[in-house]
Amino acid sequence: MKKNIPNAITLVNLFCGCCALVCVFNEMFVPAFWFLFAGGLADYADGFVARYLGVHSVLGKELDSLADMVSFGVVPGVILYTLISNHPIAEDYVFGNVKLLALPAFLVTLFSCLRLAKFNLDTRQSEDFIGLNTPSVTMFVTGLMLIYHFDSFGMGDMVYHPYILYPTILILSYLLVAELPMFSMKFKGMKWDGNEQRIVFMIIGILAIIFLREVAFSLMIGLYVLFAFFDKIFLGKKIE
């Protein structure tokens, strides 16, 4: 019984991802955010609970990847597809009800699938990550969705333009499989030592949410990537 608790939490993540999909299809962007938020908590909690209970299984690892593929692979692709579809330019290229100009959005889904498959085989990512993880990509895309919905700081008309989203899709797809070392948010105890980056990043994130609201989500992922490039270029951090 005990070994199935983490798997049940993983399935909560999958359920939340399915609900988020339904919400995005109906352009209920705020409920979609909350379902993704709940899915993210479940994704973090399943590993924490598994370590706490001392239970690990191959089934749990596979379930986690399958749930992540929906919540953090399919959902961001659908969000990007929806944003591009809502732009007037997309109306000029339609096949049935399919907005052809919006289809490149699913590159993020394809590369998310590739990343998750590689992650399951890569023994180097036991603590930190190599490349941008799928929840971070989803957080970035969800931020764009909320900026569009609330027209945050007058940026609503900008973030759904194909000429802005196409380069964004390419960059995110590249980062998903890039050989770029990136720190995870798995805290090593409650001390400052060993958690410096995580604590600083968390404080910046809290302040950003307080002052920038929904803009903070995309901004924080941008900073997260910049942190990683800074570490690699100036501090010489290497993949081990």
Protein backbone atom coordinates (compact mmCIF):
# COMPACT_ATOMS: atom_id res chain seq x y z
CA MET A 1 0.00 0.00 0.00
CA LYS A 2 2.74 2.45 1.00
CA LYS A 3 4.58 2.11 -2.30
CA ASN A 4 1.47 3.18 -4.24
CA ILE A 5 1.08 6.55 -2.48
CA PRO A 6 3.65 8.38 -4.68
CA ASN A 7 2.04 6.85 -7.79
CA ALA A 8 -1.37 8.13 -6.69
CA ILE A 9 0.09 11.63 -6.32
CA THR A 10 1.59 11.31 -9.81
CA LEU A 11 -1.85 10.48 -11.17
CA VAL A 12 -3.18 13.65 -9.53
CA ASN A 13 -0.65 15.52 -11.67
CA LEU A 14 -1.99 13.75 -14.77
CA PHE A 15 -5.60 14.51 -13.83
CA CYS A 16 -4.76 18.20 -13.32
CA GLY A 17 -3.04 18.26 -16.72
CA CYS A 18 -6.14 16.83 -18.38
CA CYS A 19 -8.33 19.43 -16.66
CA ALA A 20 -5.94 22.19 -17.72
CA LEU A 21 -6.24 21.00 -21.32
CA VAL A 22 -10.03 21.26 -21.19
CA CYS A 23 -9.74 24.76 -19.74
CA VAL A 24 -7.32 25.94 -22.43
CA PHE A 25 -9.53 24.50 -25.19
CA ASN A 26 -12.35 26.66 -23.79
CA GLU A 27 -10.03 29.63 -23.19
CA MET A 28 -10.61 29.46 -19.44
CA PHE A 29 -7.07 30.61 -18.82
CA VAL A 30 -7.22 31.35 -15.09
CA PRO A 31 -8.66 27.93 -14.13
CA ALA A 32 -6.06 26.38 -16.46
CA PHE A 33 -3.34 28.13 -14.46
CA TRP A 34 -4.67 26.78 -11.16
CA PHE A 35 -4.89 23.24 -12.51
CA LEU A 36 -1.30 23.51 -13.75
CA PHE A 37 -0.26 24.93 -10.39
CA ALA A 38 -1.86 21.96 -8.62
CA GLY A 39 -0.25 19.58 -11.11
CA GLY A 40 3.14 21.16 -10.44
CA LEU A 41 2.70 20.70 -6.70
CA ALA A 42 1.78 17.04 -7.24
CA ASP A 43 4.81 16.59 -9.52
CA TYR A 44 7.08 17.96 -6.81
CA ALA A 45 5.30 16.07 -4.02
CA ASP A 46 5.44 12.59 -5.56
CA GLY A 47 9.23 12.54 -5.49
CA PHE A 48 9.37 14.07 -2.02
CA VAL A 49 6.90 11.52 -0.65
CA ALA A 50 8.74 8.64 -2.35
CA ARG A 51 12.02 9.71 -0.72
CA TYR A 52 10.33 10.22 2.65
CA LEU A 53 8.71 6.78 2.56
CA GLY A 54 11.81 5.18 1.13
CA VAL A 55 9.97 3.66 -1.82
CA HIS A 56 11.23 3.73 -5.38
CA SER A 57 10.02 1.80 -8.41
CA VAL A 58 10.49 1.64 -12.16
CA LEU A 59 6.72 1.96 -12.50
CA GLY A 60 6.76 5.23 -10.57
CA LYS A 61 9.48 6.67 -12.80
CA GLU A 62 7.57 5.76 -15.95
CA LEU A 63 4.28 7.09 -14.56
CA ASP A 64 5.97 10.36 -13.68
CA SER A 65 7.22 10.84 -17.23
CA LEU A 66 3.84 9.95 -18.76
CA ALA A 67 2.02 12.38 -16.46
CA ASP A 68 4.61 15.09 -17.17
CA MET A 69 4.17 14.54 -20.90
CA VAL A 70 0.53 15.60 -20.60
CA SER A 71 0.81 18.36 -17.99
CA PHE A 72 4.13 19.81 -19.12
CA GLY A 73 4.38 18.65 -22.73
CA VAL A 74 0.97 18.66 -24.36
CA VAL A 75 -0.51 21.53 -22.34
CA PRO A 76 2.17 24.16 -23.21
CA GLY A 77 1.88 23.16 -26.88
CA VAL A 78 -1.88 23.66 -26.76
CA ILE A 79 -1.48 27.00 -24.98
CA LEU A 80 0.93 28.26 -27.65
CA TYR A 81 -1.36 26.91 -30.40
CA THR A 82 -4.30 28.76 -28.84
CA LEU A 83 -2.40 32.03 -28.51
CA ILE A 84 -1.24 31.99 -32.13
CA SER A 85 -4.70 30.92 -33.30
CA ASN A 86 -6.22 33.98 -31.66
CA HIS A 87 -4.05 36.35 -33.69
CA PRO A 88 -5.77 37.82 -36.80
CA ILE A 89 -2.91 36.66 -39.03
CA ALA A 90 -3.80 33.04 -38.28
CA GLU A 91 -7.23 33.52 -39.86
CA ASP A 92 -5.64 33.75 -43.31
CA TYR A 93 -4.35 30.18 -43.25
CA VAL A 94 -7.05 27.75 -42.14
CA PHE A 95 -7.73 24.14 -43.09
CA GLY A 96 -11.16 23.24 -41.77
CA ASN A 97 -10.98 24.46 -38.18
CA VAL A 98 -7.20 24.04 -37.96
CA LYS A 99 -5.11 27.21 -37.87
CA LEU A 100 -2.10 26.15 -39.91
CA LEU A 101 0.10 29.00 -38.73
CA ALA A 102 -0.35 27.82 -35.15
CA LEU A 103 0.82 24.23 -35.71
CA PRO A 104 4.53 25.01 -35.06
CA ALA A 105 3.46 25.46 -31.43
CA PHE A 106 3.64 21.69 -31.04
CA LEU A 107 7.40 21.70 -31.57
CA VAL A 108 7.51 22.35 -27.84
CA THR A 109 5.45 19.20 -27.28
CA LEU A 110 7.72 17.13 -29.51
CA PHE A 111 10.90 18.32 -27.81
CA SER A 112 9.31 17.85 -24.39
CA CYS A 113 8.70 14.21 -25.31
CA LEU A 114 12.31 13.87 -26.47
CA ARG A 115 13.59 15.46 -23.27
CA LEU A 116 11.53 13.20 -21.00
CA ALA A 117 12.73 10.10 -22.87
CA LYS A 118 16.35 11.26 -22.57
CA PHE A 119 15.88 12.12 -18.89
CA ASN A 120 14.82 8.56 -18.08
CA LEU A 121 18.05 7.24 -19.61
CA ASP A 122 20.44 9.96 -18.40
CA THR A 123 22.14 9.04 -15.11
CA ARG A 124 23.74 12.49 -14.86
CA GLN A 125 20.49 14.23 -13.79
CA SER A 126 19.98 12.70 -10.37
CA GLU A 127 20.15 16.06 -8.51
CA ASP A 128 20.39 18.90 -11.03
CA PHE A 129 19.18 19.17 -14.61
CA ILE A 130 20.80 19.24 -18.02
CA GLY A 131 18.69 21.48 -20.20
CA LEU A 132 15.47 23.24 -19.26
CA ASN A 133 13.00 20.93 -17.54
CA THR A 134 9.44 20.61 -18.81
CA PRO A 135 7.70 22.21 -15.77
CA SER A 136 9.84 25.33 -16.30
CA VAL A 137 8.83 25.51 -19.96
CA THR A 138 5.20 25.19 -18.92
CA MET A 139 5.65 27.92 -16.32
CA PHE A 140 7.09 30.24 -18.98
CA VAL A 141 4.28 29.51 -21.46
CA THR A 142 1.63 29.83 -18.74
CA GLY A 143 3.05 33.26 -17.94
CA LEU A 144 2.52 34.28 -21.57
CA MET A 145 -1.04 32.97 -21.40
CA LEU A 146 -1.79 35.06 -18.32
CA ILE A 147 -0.13 38.17 -19.78
CA TYR A 148 -2.37 37.76 -22.84
CA HIS A 149 -5.47 37.19 -20.72
CA PHE A 150 -4.93 40.14 -18.37
CA ASP A 151 -3.12 42.37 -20.91
CA SER A 152 -0.46 42.82 -18.22
CA PHE A 153 1.35 46.15 -18.53
CA GLY A 154 -0.14 46.52 -22.02
CA MET A 155 1.79 43.50 -23.34
CA GLY A 156 -1.26 41.42 -24.27
CA ASP A 157 -1.12 42.31 -27.96
CA MET A 158 2.58 41.46 -28.11
CA VAL A 159 2.79 38.02 -26.51
CA TYR A 160 0.39 36.29 -28.89
CA HIS A 161 1.91 37.60 -32.12
CA PRO A 162 3.34 34.74 -34.25
CA TYR A 163 6.51 36.74 -34.93
CA ILE A 164 7.14 36.79 -31.18
CA LEU A 165 6.02 33.25 -30.45
CA TYR A 166 7.84 31.50 -33.31
CA PRO A 167 11.32 32.45 -32.01
CA THR A 168 10.12 31.67 -28.48
CA ILE A 169 9.04 28.18 -29.57
CA LEU A 170 12.42 27.53 -31.22
CA ILE A 171 14.36 28.74 -28.18
CA LEU A 172 12.29 26.68 -25.75
CA SER A 173 12.60 23.59 -27.96
CA TYR A 174 16.38 24.01 -28.05
CA LEU A 175 16.68 24.56 -24.31
CA LEU A 176 14.71 21.39 -23.57
CA VAL A 177 17.48 19.23 -25.05
CA ALA A 178 20.48 21.56 -24.65
CA GLU A 179 23.61 20.31 -22.88
CA LEU A 180 23.27 23.13 -20.36
CA PRO A 181 23.68 22.40 -16.64
CA MET A 182 20.84 23.93 -14.60
CA PHE A 183 20.23 23.77 -10.86
CA SER A 184 17.08 22.11 -9.57
CA MET A 185 14.86 23.41 -6.78
CA LYS A 186 15.47 20.34 -4.62
CA PHE A 187 16.80 21.85 -1.42
CA LYS A 188 19.71 20.11 0.29
CA GLY A 189 18.56 20.47 3.88
CA MET A 190 17.59 23.79 5.44
CA LYS A 191 21.02 25.47 5.48
CA TRP A 192 22.40 28.28 3.32
CA ASP A 193 25.45 26.23 2.28
CA GLY A 194 24.65 24.23 -0.83
CA ASN A 195 21.34 26.06 -1.36
CA GLU A 196 22.63 29.54 -2.20
CA GLN A 197 21.28 29.70 -5.75
CA ARG A 198 17.97 28.15 -4.78
CA ILE A 199 17.36 30.55 -1.90
CA VAL A 200 18.31 33.64 -3.92
CA PHE A 201 16.16 32.50 -6.83
CA MET A 202 13.20 31.80 -4.53
CA ILE A 203 13.45 35.25 -2.92
CA ILE A 204 13.63 36.96 -6.32
CA GLY A 205 10.64 34.90 -7.45
CA ILE A 206 8.51 35.89 -4.46
CA LEU A 207 9.34 39.58 -4.94
CA ALA A 208 8.64 39.34 -8.68
CA ILE A 209 5.19 37.82 -8.06
CA ILE A 210 4.38 40.53 -5.50
CA PHE A 211 5.32 43.42 -7.78
CA LEU A 212 4.86 42.02 -11.30
CA ARG A 213 2.04 39.52 -10.72
CA GLU A 214 1.55 37.15 -13.68
CA VAL A 215 4.51 38.63 -15.59
CA ALA A 216 6.76 37.08 -12.95
CA PHE A 217 6.29 33.53 -14.23
CA SER A 218 7.86 34.05 -17.65
CA LEU A 219 10.40 36.49 -16.24
CA MET A 220 11.62 34.04 -13.63
CA ILE A 221 12.20 31.29 -16.17
CA GLY A 222 14.12 33.78 -18.31
CA LEU A 223 16.31 34.59 -15.30
CA TYR A 224 16.67 30.88 -14.54
CA VAL A 225 18.13 30.31 -18.02
CA LEU A 226 20.41 33.35 -17.66
CA PHE A 227 21.66 31.97 -14.32
CA ALA A 228 22.57 28.75 -16.10
CA PHE A 229 24.42 30.50 -18.93
CA PHE A 230 26.25 32.70 -16.39
CA ASP A 231 27.37 29.62 -14.46
CA LYS A 232 28.58 27.89 -17.61
CA ILE A 233 30.32 30.86 -19.23
CA PHE A 234 31.78 32.77 -16.27
CA LEU A 235 32.03 30.14 -13.53
CA GLY A 236 32.90 27.26 -15.84
CA LYS A 237 30.23 24.93 -14.49
CA LYS A 238 30.47 21.60 -16.26
CA ILE A 239 28.20 18.62 -16.77
CA GLU A 240 29.24 15.72 -14.57
